[in-house]
Amino acid sequence: MEYNSSVKNRIKRMEGQLRGVLKMMEEGKDCKDVITQLSATRSGLDRTIGLVVGSNLVECIQDAQDEEKKEESINEAVQLLVKSR
């Protein structure tokens, strides 16, 4: 699977958020502010997982030659979503 620039940019944004959280912790910022940023990062990660799994599912279904393969691909995608929770 190829990951487009949009997905990569999301990951880079989260990376920056996590670095910001570390800086906040080192500076002794209020825990509510730290939790807010951690929650934002988690939310971004959850959305990114959904995008990756969704794209993978579409790709697998398009590549599937028969109904059995399509069903297998759908089940695999569902398991990836469940695993990510």
Protein backbone atom coordinates (compact mmCIF):
# COMPACT_ATOMS: atom_id res chain seq x y z
CA MET A 1 0.00 0.00 0.00
CA GLU A 2 1.21 3.49 -0.81
CA TYR A 3 0.69 6.19 1.79
CA ASN A 4 -0.23 9.56 0.33
CA SER A 5 1.19 12.87 1.49
CA SER A 6 -1.98 13.67 3.44
CA VAL A 7 -1.50 10.66 5.73
CA LYS A 8 2.20 11.39 6.12
CA ASN A 9 1.44 15.02 7.00
CA ARG A 10 -1.00 13.86 9.68
CA ILE A 11 1.75 11.74 11.24
CA LYS A 12 4.20 14.64 11.12
CA ARG A 13 1.61 16.90 12.80
CA MET A 14 1.17 14.36 15.60
CA GLU A 15 4.91 14.05 15.96
CA GLY A 16 5.07 17.82 16.47
CA GLN A 17 2.23 17.67 18.99
CA LEU A 18 4.03 15.00 21.00
CA ARG A 19 7.24 17.02 21.01
CA GLY A 20 5.18 19.94 22.24
CA VAL A 21 3.74 17.78 25.02
CA LEU A 22 7.23 16.76 26.12
CA LYS A 23 8.26 20.41 26.20
CA MET A 24 5.18 21.27 28.24
CA MET A 25 6.04 18.52 30.71
CA GLU A 26 9.64 19.71 30.99
CA GLU A 27 8.38 23.25 31.64
CA GLY A 28 5.97 21.99 34.30
CA LYS A 29 2.84 23.17 32.52
CA ASP A 30 -0.60 22.54 34.01
CA CYS A 31 -1.76 18.93 33.68
CA LYS A 32 -5.05 20.00 32.05
CA ASP A 33 -3.10 21.58 29.20
CA VAL A 34 -0.92 18.48 28.82
CA ILE A 35 -3.97 16.19 28.79
CA THR A 36 -5.66 18.41 26.20
CA GLN A 37 -2.70 18.07 23.87
CA LEU A 38 -2.38 14.32 24.48
CA SER A 39 -6.09 13.90 23.72
CA ALA A 40 -5.73 15.88 20.51
CA THR A 41 -2.84 13.65 19.47
CA ARG A 42 -4.78 10.49 20.27
CA SER A 43 -7.77 11.76 18.29
CA GLY A 44 -5.53 12.48 15.31
CA LEU A 45 -3.99 9.04 15.57
CA ASP A 46 -7.42 7.37 15.67
CA ARG A 47 -8.54 9.27 12.57
CA THR A 48 -5.33 8.37 10.76
CA ILE A 49 -5.75 4.68 11.61
CA GLY A 50 -9.27 4.85 10.18
CA LEU A 51 -8.00 6.42 6.97
CA VAL A 52 -5.24 3.85 6.54
CA VAL A 53 -7.54 0.90 7.24
CA GLY A 54 -10.23 2.35 4.97
CA SER A 55 -7.80 2.88 2.12
CA ASN A 56 -6.39 -0.58 2.61
CA LEU A 57 -9.88 -2.07 2.53
CA VAL A 58 -10.78 -0.30 -0.70
CA GLU A 59 -7.51 -1.39 -2.29
CA CYS A 60 -7.92 -5.01 -1.17
CA ILE A 61 -11.51 -5.21 -2.39
CA GLN A 62 -10.58 -3.75 -5.76
CA ASP A 63 -7.77 -6.30 -6.08
CA ALA A 64 -9.90 -9.25 -4.94
CA GLN A 65 -10.72 -11.70 -7.71
CA ASP A 66 -13.66 -13.46 -6.06
CA GLU A 67 -16.26 -13.03 -3.32
CA GLU A 68 -14.33 -15.18 -0.84
CA LYS A 69 -11.27 -12.96 -1.19
CA LYS A 70 -13.42 -9.83 -0.76
CA GLU A 71 -15.00 -11.21 2.42
CA GLU A 72 -11.56 -12.12 3.74
CA SER A 73 -10.32 -8.57 3.05
CA ILE A 74 -13.30 -7.05 4.83
CA ASN A 75 -12.78 -9.29 7.87
CA GLU A 76 -9.10 -8.38 7.96
CA ALA A 77 -9.91 -4.66 7.87
CA VAL A 78 -12.45 -5.05 10.67
CA GLN A 79 -9.86 -6.89 12.77
CA LEU A 80 -7.36 -4.08 12.19
CA LEU A 81 -9.91 -1.54 13.39
CA VAL A 82 -10.72 -3.63 16.46
CA LYS A 83 -7.03 -4.09 17.21
CA SER A 84 -6.46 -0.33 17.01
CA ARG A 85 -8.97 0.35 19.80
